[in-house]
Amino acid sequence: MAAKIMPNIPSVEPFIITKSATTNLDKQWNVYIDEFELFILASGVTESKQKLALLLHLGGKDLREIYQTLKEENDNFDRVKTKLTTYFQPKKNVTFERYQFKNAKQESGESSAAYVTRLKTLAQYCEFPDVSLNNEIRDHFIFTCKSAALRKKLLQEEDLTLTKLLEIARTKETTEKQASEISEKTNDSKLNRIDRRKAPALRQNRKPPPRKNTQTDRKNCFRCGNAFDKNHVKSCPAIGKVCYNCGKYNHLSKLCNAKPSKEVNHVERHEPDSEDSRDGNLFALKKIHRTETTFLKEGKTSVCLNGTPVNVIVDSGSSINVIDKHTFAFIQKKNRDALKIKTTNEKIYPYGVSKPLRMIGYFDTTIEDNSLIVPARVYVIDEEKAGNLIGLKTSKELELLRIKVQNVNHMTDNQSCKQRKDCFQNIPDHLKRDVEKFSSLAKGKGNF
């Protein structure tokens, strides 16, 4: 007699397979079958045929279509489960799985127990021998943990096991948390001893805010930044120039007060000012004026980022791959396994603006286009719908970008001189002085 399903137990959702999902299907299937087996156990279903019927019914249309290609006579639940697990299991790339394991690092705010659990998950696909699996995890934890004091303590231990490592790490974290709470309460009690009667005297000694300078009081020109005097208006180099930030005339972008555009269209890499800079490599973010839409239409394409289709701009000037937080949230929603964001010291600046964009961090994943899949690092900026970029390195690896130099047509000096003179015709009056001053810069070897 078939068991009756208890009506108060929530059912499992269908197993949905998107057309573009070519990766992580094995992980999705493992999570789904675990949930299903918990459901039938709680429901009291024990017969194999009833388990199979429930799996095909609740699994949905996609799962039933796959089963039809694997169907055999006298199938039961355990046999079909094995077939489907084999079907969704991709060909493992052990080298890449070990690469991901070796590059894992403890994130800011991540506890030692959580980090060890993450390392165990990564190690499942590395095919480490069972006898050395815990040692691999133990050694990698010691090499990459955040706390230098904990690392020193662990290196002093003899015959250190993974279990003992977790005990030491948890004890240290608990002790530090308790000591921090005691210090905070002690500091709060000291601050409360301040004599509040001195506050009025402090307010009386405050200096009034400085008066804002007018144009005549300025030491530097608000258009170009150079020294200002009464004759500067006639000779200001910013007159007639176009601001790269707002697209308006008569001021330079470095002094522009307009709010910078948040569109991500071009990325350039800059080195730090000194070797002691703690910001690491800096990245400047250029925007293209809103009226220049040709490049945006022609440079866009669609790729699969961590198995999720994403619209991106292929940019040969970019050193990095960038997505906004709206796209990142969309990818997270489509994947059952959450992507792990890591913090970074690198910064992204809009062109001509000294204030960097807010960075959420970066994550390592795979990017797929047609039949090519490449590993890549993707940076996430804290902006809504700013756009997404695929940089030069990844674009070349996916064969989205090929650089070809055309033949150069050499000209004689007379031809070059004639073409140079022709290009200086019909120039606006406010630009003629600069053109005449720098006309020697237009002399070249030819055109291409």
Protein backbone atom coordinates (compact mmCIF):
# COMPACT_ATOMS: atom_id res chain seq x y z
CA MET A 1 0.00 0.00 0.00
CA ALA A 2 1.41 3.39 -1.06
CA ALA A 3 2.22 5.87 1.67
CA LYS A 4 0.18 9.05 1.92
CA ILE A 5 2.01 12.34 1.62
CA MET A 6 1.56 14.58 4.64
CA PRO A 7 -0.27 17.72 3.41
CA ASN A 8 1.45 20.21 5.76
CA ILE A 9 4.99 19.60 4.39
CA PRO A 10 6.04 22.22 1.78
CA SER A 11 6.80 20.67 -1.59
CA VAL A 12 10.07 21.14 -3.53
CA GLU A 13 10.34 23.52 -6.47
CA PRO A 14 10.80 22.19 -10.06
CA PHE A 15 14.34 21.66 -11.32
CA ILE A 16 14.66 24.38 -14.00
CA ILE A 17 17.46 24.28 -16.58
CA THR A 18 18.08 27.52 -18.49
CA LYS A 19 19.28 27.24 -22.07
CA SER A 20 22.47 29.18 -21.35
CA ALA A 21 23.36 27.32 -18.14
CA THR A 22 26.32 25.20 -19.19
CA THR A 23 28.17 25.25 -15.88
CA ASN A 24 27.33 24.45 -12.24
CA LEU A 25 24.52 22.05 -13.24
CA ASP A 26 26.13 19.33 -11.15
CA LYS A 27 26.08 21.54 -8.05
CA GLN A 28 22.48 22.59 -8.69
CA TRP A 29 21.44 18.95 -9.13
CA ASN A 30 23.20 17.84 -5.93
CA VAL A 31 21.38 20.55 -3.94
CA TYR A 32 18.04 19.66 -5.56
CA ILE A 33 18.27 15.89 -4.99
CA ASP A 34 19.25 16.46 -1.34
CA GLU A 35 16.16 18.64 -0.85
CA PHE A 36 13.96 16.06 -2.59
CA GLU A 37 15.22 13.18 -0.45
CA LEU A 38 14.52 15.21 2.70
CA PHE A 39 11.00 15.83 1.39
CA ILE A 40 10.20 12.16 0.74
CA LEU A 41 11.73 11.16 4.08
CA ALA A 42 9.57 13.68 5.95
CA SER A 43 6.53 12.61 3.91
CA GLY A 44 6.96 8.96 4.84
CA VAL A 45 7.34 7.71 1.25
CA THR A 46 9.30 4.45 1.17
CA GLU A 47 8.36 2.62 -2.06
CA SER A 48 10.89 3.06 -4.89
CA LYS A 49 8.27 3.47 -7.66
CA GLN A 50 6.42 6.15 -5.72
CA LYS A 51 9.72 7.99 -5.07
CA LEU A 52 10.50 7.93 -8.83
CA ALA A 53 7.01 9.13 -9.74
CA LEU A 54 7.27 12.02 -7.27
CA LEU A 55 10.74 12.96 -8.58
CA LEU A 56 9.53 13.14 -12.20
CA HIS A 57 6.31 14.92 -11.23
CA LEU A 58 7.80 17.54 -8.91
CA GLY A 59 11.03 17.86 -10.92
CA GLY A 60 9.20 19.54 -13.78
CA LYS A 61 9.20 19.44 -17.57
CA ASP A 62 12.97 19.91 -18.04
CA LEU A 63 13.82 16.95 -15.81
CA ARG A 64 11.23 14.69 -17.48
CA GLU A 65 12.61 15.49 -20.94
CA ILE A 66 16.10 14.44 -19.85
CA TYR A 67 14.78 11.25 -18.24
CA GLN A 68 13.11 10.22 -21.52
CA THR A 69 16.58 10.03 -23.12
CA LEU A 70 17.84 7.80 -20.27
CA LYS A 71 14.71 5.69 -19.70
CA GLU A 72 15.03 1.90 -19.39
CA GLU A 73 12.71 -0.92 -18.40
CA ASN A 74 12.39 -1.73 -14.70
CA ASP A 75 13.79 1.66 -13.66
CA ASN A 76 13.64 2.45 -9.96
CA PHE A 77 14.42 5.57 -7.95
CA ASP A 78 18.04 4.72 -7.04
CA ARG A 79 18.93 3.75 -10.63
CA VAL A 80 17.40 6.92 -12.13
CA LYS A 81 19.08 9.07 -9.47
CA THR A 82 22.47 7.59 -10.46
CA LYS A 83 21.77 8.16 -14.18
CA LEU A 84 20.79 11.81 -13.66
CA THR A 85 23.78 12.46 -11.40
CA THR A 86 26.09 11.08 -14.10
CA TYR A 87 24.28 13.14 -16.76
CA PHE A 88 24.74 16.43 -14.91
CA GLN A 89 28.31 15.69 -13.85
CA PRO A 90 30.62 17.61 -16.26
CA LYS A 91 34.11 16.57 -17.23
CA LYS A 92 36.27 17.82 -14.36
CA ASN A 93 39.22 20.08 -14.97
CA VAL A 94 41.26 19.12 -11.91
CA THR A 95 43.99 21.66 -12.73
CA PHE A 96 41.51 24.54 -12.70
CA GLU A 97 39.80 23.28 -9.53
CA ARG A 98 43.18 23.16 -7.75
CA TYR A 99 43.97 26.63 -9.10
CA GLN A 100 40.80 27.94 -7.42
CA PHE A 101 41.70 26.13 -4.20
CA LYS A 102 45.27 27.49 -4.14
CA ASN A 103 44.04 31.06 -4.77
CA ALA A 104 41.46 31.05 -1.97
CA LYS A 105 42.12 33.55 0.83
CA GLN A 106 40.33 34.34 4.07
CA GLU A 107 38.01 37.28 3.54
CA SER A 108 37.59 40.24 5.85
CA GLY A 109 35.14 39.37 8.61
CA GLU A 110 35.12 35.65 7.73
CA SER A 111 35.54 33.39 10.74
CA SER A 112 38.12 30.61 10.79
CA ALA A 113 35.40 27.93 10.89
CA ALA A 114 33.63 29.43 7.88
CA TYR A 115 36.91 29.67 5.96
CA VAL A 116 37.77 26.01 6.67
CA THR A 117 34.29 25.00 5.49
CA ARG A 118 34.82 26.93 2.24
CA LEU A 119 38.20 25.26 1.72
CA LYS A 120 36.61 21.83 2.24
CA THR A 121 34.01 22.63 -0.43
CA LEU A 122 36.70 23.69 -2.90
CA ALA A 123 38.81 20.62 -2.11
CA GLN A 124 35.97 18.25 -3.03
CA TYR A 125 36.70 18.73 -6.72
CA CYS A 126 40.53 18.73 -6.49
CA GLU A 127 40.88 14.94 -6.18
CA PHE A 128 43.37 15.16 -3.33
CA PRO A 129 44.20 11.75 -1.80
CA ASP A 130 42.08 11.00 1.27
CA VAL A 131 45.16 10.57 3.45
CA SER A 132 46.41 14.09 2.63
CA LEU A 133 43.11 16.00 2.22
CA ASN A 134 43.01 17.46 5.73
CA ASN A 135 46.72 18.30 5.55
CA GLU A 136 46.17 20.25 2.30
CA ILE A 137 43.37 22.25 3.95
CA ARG A 138 45.41 22.76 7.14
CA ASP A 139 48.50 24.02 5.27
CA HIS A 140 46.52 26.35 3.00
CA PHE A 141 44.70 27.84 5.99
CA ILE A 142 48.01 28.61 7.73
CA PHE A 143 49.44 30.23 4.56
CA THR A 144 46.41 32.45 3.83
CA CYS A 145 44.67 33.27 7.14
CA LYS A 146 44.22 36.97 7.94
CA SER A 147 45.79 36.97 11.41
CA ALA A 148 49.59 36.98 11.52
CA ALA A 149 49.47 36.23 15.27
CA LEU A 150 47.32 33.14 14.66
CA ARG A 151 49.69 31.98 11.91
CA LYS A 152 52.66 32.28 14.29
CA LYS A 153 50.79 30.34 16.98
CA LEU A 154 49.87 27.52 14.56
CA LEU A 155 53.43 27.21 13.25
CA GLN A 156 54.66 26.66 16.81
CA GLU A 157 52.39 23.63 17.30
CA GLU A 158 53.75 20.11 16.83
CA ASP A 159 51.63 17.41 15.18
CA LEU A 160 48.98 19.99 14.28
CA THR A 161 45.76 18.46 12.94
CA LEU A 162 42.86 20.23 11.28
CA THR A 163 40.67 19.63 14.35
CA LYS A 164 43.28 21.11 16.67
CA LEU A 165 43.75 24.05 14.30
CA LEU A 166 40.04 24.89 14.54
CA GLU A 167 40.14 24.69 18.34
CA ILE A 168 43.07 27.12 18.54
CA ALA A 169 41.51 29.51 16.00
CA ARG A 170 38.12 29.56 17.75
CA THR A 171 39.74 30.15 21.15
CA LYS A 172 41.75 33.08 19.78
CA GLU A 173 38.73 34.66 18.05
CA THR A 174 36.57 34.32 21.17
CA THR A 175 39.30 35.80 23.38
CA GLU A 176 39.85 38.77 21.06
CA LYS A 177 36.10 39.48 20.92
CA GLN A 178 35.78 39.42 24.70
CA ALA A 179 38.87 41.65 25.17
CA SER A 180 37.49 44.11 22.62
CA GLU A 181 34.16 44.38 24.46
CA ILE A 182 35.97 45.04 27.76
CA SER A 183 38.12 47.77 26.13
CA GLU A 184 35.08 49.47 24.61
CA LYS A 185 33.27 49.63 27.97
CA THR A 186 36.43 51.02 29.65
CA ASN A 187 36.83 53.75 27.00
CA ASP A 188 33.14 54.68 27.23
CA SER A 189 33.41 55.19 30.99
CA LYS A 190 36.43 57.51 30.52
CA LEU A 191 34.63 59.60 27.90
CA ASN A 192 31.66 60.10 30.21
CA ARG A 193 33.92 61.90 32.73
CA ILE A 194 34.32 64.99 30.49
CA ASP A 195 33.16 68.14 32.23
CA ARG A 196 30.18 69.34 30.22
CA ARG A 197 30.49 72.83 31.77
CA LYS A 198 33.43 73.53 29.47
CA ALA A 199 31.32 73.13 26.34
CA PRO A 200 29.99 76.78 26.22
CA ALA A 201 33.53 78.13 26.45
CA LEU A 202 34.61 75.93 23.57
CA ARG A 203 31.73 77.20 21.44
CA GLN A 204 32.72 80.82 22.15
CA ASN A 205 36.28 80.22 20.91
CA ARG A 206 35.17 78.83 17.58
CA LYS A 207 36.28 80.82 14.55
CA PRO A 208 33.64 81.85 12.01
CA PRO A 209 33.79 80.00 8.67
CA PRO A 210 35.92 81.72 6.03
CA ARG A 211 34.12 83.86 3.46
CA LYS A 212 33.86 82.37 0.00
CA ASN A 213 36.08 84.16 -2.49
CA THR A 214 34.61 85.85 -5.53
CA GLN A 215 36.26 85.73 -8.95
CA THR A 216 38.27 88.90 -8.23
CA ASP A 217 39.60 87.39 -4.96
CA ARG A 218 40.70 84.09 -6.53
CA LYS A 219 44.39 83.26 -6.68
CA ASN A 220 43.74 80.64 -9.38
CA CYS A 221 41.36 80.71 -12.34
CA PHE A 222 38.24 78.58 -11.84
CA ARG A 223 38.28 77.65 -15.56
CA CYS A 224 41.88 76.40 -16.03
CA GLY A 225 43.48 76.45 -12.56
CA ASN A 226 46.32 78.82 -13.55
CA ALA A 227 47.26 82.01 -11.68
CA PHE A 228 44.52 84.65 -12.05
CA ASP A 229 44.87 88.38 -12.72
CA LYS A 230 42.75 91.05 -14.38
CA ASN A 231 44.13 90.25 -17.88
CA HIS A 232 43.80 86.49 -17.49
CA VAL A 233 40.29 86.33 -18.97
CA LYS A 234 41.61 87.23 -22.42
CA SER A 235 44.46 84.68 -22.32
CA CYS A 236 42.82 81.82 -20.40
CA PRO A 237 43.71 78.52 -22.18
CA ALA A 238 40.34 77.00 -21.18
CA ILE A 239 38.36 79.43 -23.36
CA GLY A 240 36.97 77.47 -26.30
CA LYS A 241 37.93 74.08 -24.85
CA VAL A 242 35.40 71.27 -24.33
CA CYS A 243 35.15 69.65 -20.88
CA TYR A 244 35.53 65.84 -21.06
CA ASN A 245 33.34 65.47 -17.97
CA CYS A 246 30.16 67.40 -18.88
CA GLY A 247 30.71 68.18 -22.59
CA LYS A 248 30.35 71.96 -22.09
CA TYR A 249 32.74 74.70 -23.23
CA ASN A 250 35.15 77.13 -21.55
CA HIS A 251 36.49 75.07 -18.63
CA LEU A 252 38.73 72.04 -18.08
CA SER A 253 37.44 68.72 -16.77
CA LYS A 254 39.71 68.78 -13.70
CA LEU A 255 37.82 71.87 -12.45
CA CYS A 256 34.35 70.77 -13.56
CA ASN A 257 31.63 71.04 -10.89
CA ALA A 258 29.13 68.89 -12.77
CA LYS A 259 28.25 65.49 -11.33
CA PRO A 260 30.31 62.87 -13.22
CA SER A 261 28.46 60.42 -15.41
CA LYS A 262 28.19 56.89 -14.02
CA GLU A 263 28.28 55.21 -17.43
CA VAL A 264 31.16 52.71 -17.65
CA ASN A 265 32.50 52.91 -21.19
CA HIS A 266 36.28 52.90 -21.01
CA VAL A 267 38.90 51.87 -18.47
CA GLU A 268 42.54 52.94 -18.37
CA ARG A 269 45.20 51.64 -15.99
CA HIS A 270 47.46 54.00 -14.01
CA GLU A 271 50.36 53.10 -11.75
CA PRO A 272 50.53 54.43 -8.17
CA ASP A 273 52.42 57.67 -7.55
CA SER A 274 55.02 55.90 -5.41
CA GLU A 275 56.11 52.48 -4.32
CA ASP A 276 54.72 53.17 -0.84
CA SER A 277 51.19 53.79 -2.11
CA ARG A 278 48.70 51.58 -0.30
CA ASP A 279 46.03 51.95 -2.96
CA GLY A 280 47.75 49.55 -5.35
CA ASN A 281 47.04 49.97 -9.02
CA LEU A 282 44.56 52.72 -9.86
CA PHE A 283 42.03 52.57 -12.65
CA ALA A 284 40.49 55.62 -14.31
CA LEU A 285 36.98 55.41 -15.66
CA LYS A 286 36.21 57.39 -18.82
CA LYS A 287 32.73 58.24 -19.98
CA ILE A 288 31.62 58.76 -23.57
CA HIS A 289 29.26 61.68 -24.16
CA ARG A 290 25.60 60.67 -24.25
CA THR A 291 25.24 61.84 -27.87
CA GLU A 292 27.97 59.45 -29.04
CA THR A 293 25.86 56.27 -29.20
CA THR A 294 27.50 54.58 -32.20
CA PHE A 295 30.23 52.91 -30.18
CA LEU A 296 27.79 51.70 -27.54
CA LYS A 297 25.65 49.93 -30.15
CA GLU A 298 28.52 48.43 -32.13
CA GLY A 299 30.67 47.41 -29.15
CA LYS A 300 28.00 45.51 -27.23
CA THR A 301 27.73 41.74 -27.10
CA SER A 302 26.38 39.05 -24.78
CA VAL A 303 28.49 36.56 -22.83
CA CYS A 304 27.76 34.01 -20.10
CA LEU A 305 29.28 35.14 -16.81
CA ASN A 306 29.26 32.28 -14.31
CA GLY A 307 26.63 30.64 -16.54
CA THR A 308 24.36 33.74 -16.65
CA PRO A 309 23.85 35.79 -19.88
CA VAL A 310 25.12 39.36 -19.44
CA ASN A 311 25.29 42.25 -21.93
CA VAL A 312 28.77 43.79 -22.01
CA ILE A 313 30.86 46.27 -23.97
CA VAL A 314 34.06 44.92 -25.53
CA ASP A 315 36.70 47.57 -24.83
CA SER A 316 40.28 47.20 -26.08
CA GLY A 317 41.34 50.06 -23.78
CA SER A 318 40.29 48.29 -20.59
CA SER A 319 42.81 46.54 -18.38
CA ILE A 320 40.10 44.93 -16.24
CA ASN A 321 36.57 43.48 -16.43
CA VAL A 322 33.92 45.60 -14.68
CA ILE A 323 30.23 45.07 -13.82
CA ASP A 324 27.80 47.16 -11.77
CA LYS A 325 26.04 45.94 -8.64
CA HIS A 326 22.71 45.58 -10.49
CA THR A 327 24.28 43.01 -12.83
CA PHE A 328 26.02 41.30 -9.91
CA ALA A 329 22.70 40.95 -8.06
CA PHE A 330 21.14 39.50 -11.22
CA ILE A 331 23.92 36.88 -11.47
CA GLN A 332 23.55 36.02 -7.78
CA LYS A 333 19.81 35.52 -8.23
CA LYS A 334 20.30 33.14 -11.17
CA ASN A 335 22.86 30.99 -9.34
CA ARG A 336 22.07 28.88 -6.31
CA ASP A 337 25.74 29.00 -5.24
CA ALA A 338 26.47 32.58 -4.12
CA LEU A 339 29.59 34.19 -5.59
CA LYS A 340 32.17 35.20 -2.99
CA ILE A 341 33.10 38.89 -3.18
CA LYS A 342 36.66 39.75 -2.12
CA THR A 343 37.87 43.19 -1.06
CA THR A 344 40.57 45.05 -3.00
CA ASN A 345 42.81 48.12 -2.65
CA GLU A 346 42.44 49.03 -6.32
CA LYS A 347 40.28 52.04 -7.18
CA ILE A 348 38.27 53.17 -10.20
CA TYR A 349 38.11 56.87 -11.05
CA PRO A 350 35.75 58.60 -13.51
CA TYR A 351 37.85 60.50 -16.04
CA GLY A 352 38.96 63.91 -14.77
CA VAL A 353 37.55 63.37 -11.26
CA SER A 354 39.73 62.93 -8.17
CA LYS A 355 37.07 61.07 -6.15
CA PRO A 356 36.97 57.30 -6.89
CA LEU A 357 33.81 55.32 -7.46
CA ARG A 358 32.68 53.12 -4.60
CA MET A 359 34.07 49.60 -5.01
CA ILE A 360 32.28 46.52 -3.66
CA GLY A 361 35.17 44.19 -4.55
CA TYR A 362 35.97 41.46 -7.08
CA PHE A 363 35.39 37.77 -7.67
CA ASP A 364 37.03 35.07 -9.80
CA THR A 365 34.76 33.20 -12.18
CA THR A 366 34.49 31.97 -15.79
CA ILE A 367 33.28 33.89 -18.84
CA GLU A 368 31.85 31.96 -21.79
CA ASP A 369 31.18 32.95 -25.40
CA ASN A 370 30.05 30.30 -27.89
CA SER A 371 32.41 27.36 -27.37
CA LEU A 372 35.15 29.16 -25.41
CA ILE A 373 35.29 29.34 -21.60
CA VAL A 374 38.07 31.31 -19.89
CA PRO A 375 38.80 32.09 -16.21
CA ALA A 376 38.62 35.80 -15.42
CA ARG A 377 38.61 38.29 -12.56
CA VAL A 378 35.61 40.66 -12.48
CA TYR A 379 35.42 43.89 -10.45
CA VAL A 380 32.08 45.12 -9.04
CA ILE A 381 31.39 48.85 -8.57
CA ASP A 382 28.78 50.17 -6.15
CA GLU A 383 26.65 51.80 -8.86
CA GLU A 384 23.21 50.91 -10.25
CA LYS A 385 23.01 50.10 -13.99
CA ALA A 386 26.32 51.82 -14.82
CA GLY A 387 27.15 49.20 -17.48
CA ASN A 388 29.54 46.29 -17.91
CA LEU A 389 32.97 46.04 -19.59
CA ILE A 390 35.03 43.14 -20.91
CA GLY A 391 38.70 44.18 -20.98
CA LEU A 392 41.39 43.59 -23.59
CA LYS A 393 42.89 40.39 -22.12
CA THR A 394 39.57 38.55 -21.72
CA SER A 395 38.28 39.82 -25.09
CA LYS A 396 41.33 38.37 -26.84
CA GLU A 397 41.06 35.05 -25.00
CA LEU A 398 37.39 34.76 -26.05
CA GLU A 399 38.35 35.79 -29.62
CA LEU A 400 35.94 38.71 -29.41
CA LEU A 401 38.66 41.15 -30.43
CA ARG A 402 41.36 41.01 -33.07
CA ILE A 403 43.79 43.86 -33.72
CA LYS A 404 44.96 44.32 -37.31
CA VAL A 405 47.21 47.13 -38.56
CA GLN A 406 46.55 48.33 -42.12
CA ASN A 407 49.28 49.30 -44.57
CA VAL A 408 50.73 52.79 -44.23
CA ASN A 409 50.70 54.96 -47.36
CA HIS A 410 53.89 57.06 -47.40
CA MET A 411 53.76 60.60 -48.79
CA THR A 412 56.42 62.97 -49.99
CA ASP A 413 57.21 66.09 -47.99
CA ASN A 414 55.33 68.24 -50.51
CA GLN A 415 52.22 66.05 -50.32
CA SER A 416 52.39 66.04 -46.51
CA CYS A 417 52.78 69.80 -46.39
CA LYS A 418 49.84 70.33 -48.76
CA GLN A 419 47.53 68.01 -46.77
CA ARG A 420 48.60 69.70 -43.54
CA LYS A 421 47.68 73.12 -44.92
CA ASP A 422 44.36 71.82 -46.26
CA CYS A 423 43.35 70.44 -42.86
CA PHE A 424 43.83 73.88 -41.24
CA GLN A 425 41.12 75.55 -43.40
CA ASN A 426 37.82 76.84 -41.97
CA ILE A 427 39.03 76.81 -38.34
CA PRO A 428 37.01 78.89 -35.80
CA ASP A 429 38.61 82.19 -34.83
CA HIS A 430 39.04 81.29 -31.14
CA LEU A 431 41.18 78.22 -32.12
CA LYS A 432 43.41 79.78 -34.82
CA ARG A 433 45.99 81.05 -32.32
CA ASP A 434 46.52 77.53 -30.86
CA VAL A 435 46.61 75.93 -34.34
CA GLU A 436 49.30 78.31 -35.55
CA LYS A 437 51.30 77.81 -32.34
CA PHE A 438 51.29 74.00 -32.60
CA SER A 439 51.13 73.53 -36.37
CA SER A 440 54.45 71.65 -36.37
CA LEU A 441 52.79 68.77 -34.51
CA ALA A 442 50.70 67.88 -37.60
CA LYS A 443 53.78 66.88 -39.63
CA GLY A 444 53.84 63.09 -40.05
CA LYS A 445 55.19 60.23 -42.19
CA GLY A 446 51.92 59.37 -43.92
CA ASN A 447 48.39 58.14 -43.27
CA PHE A 448 46.74 54.80 -42.71
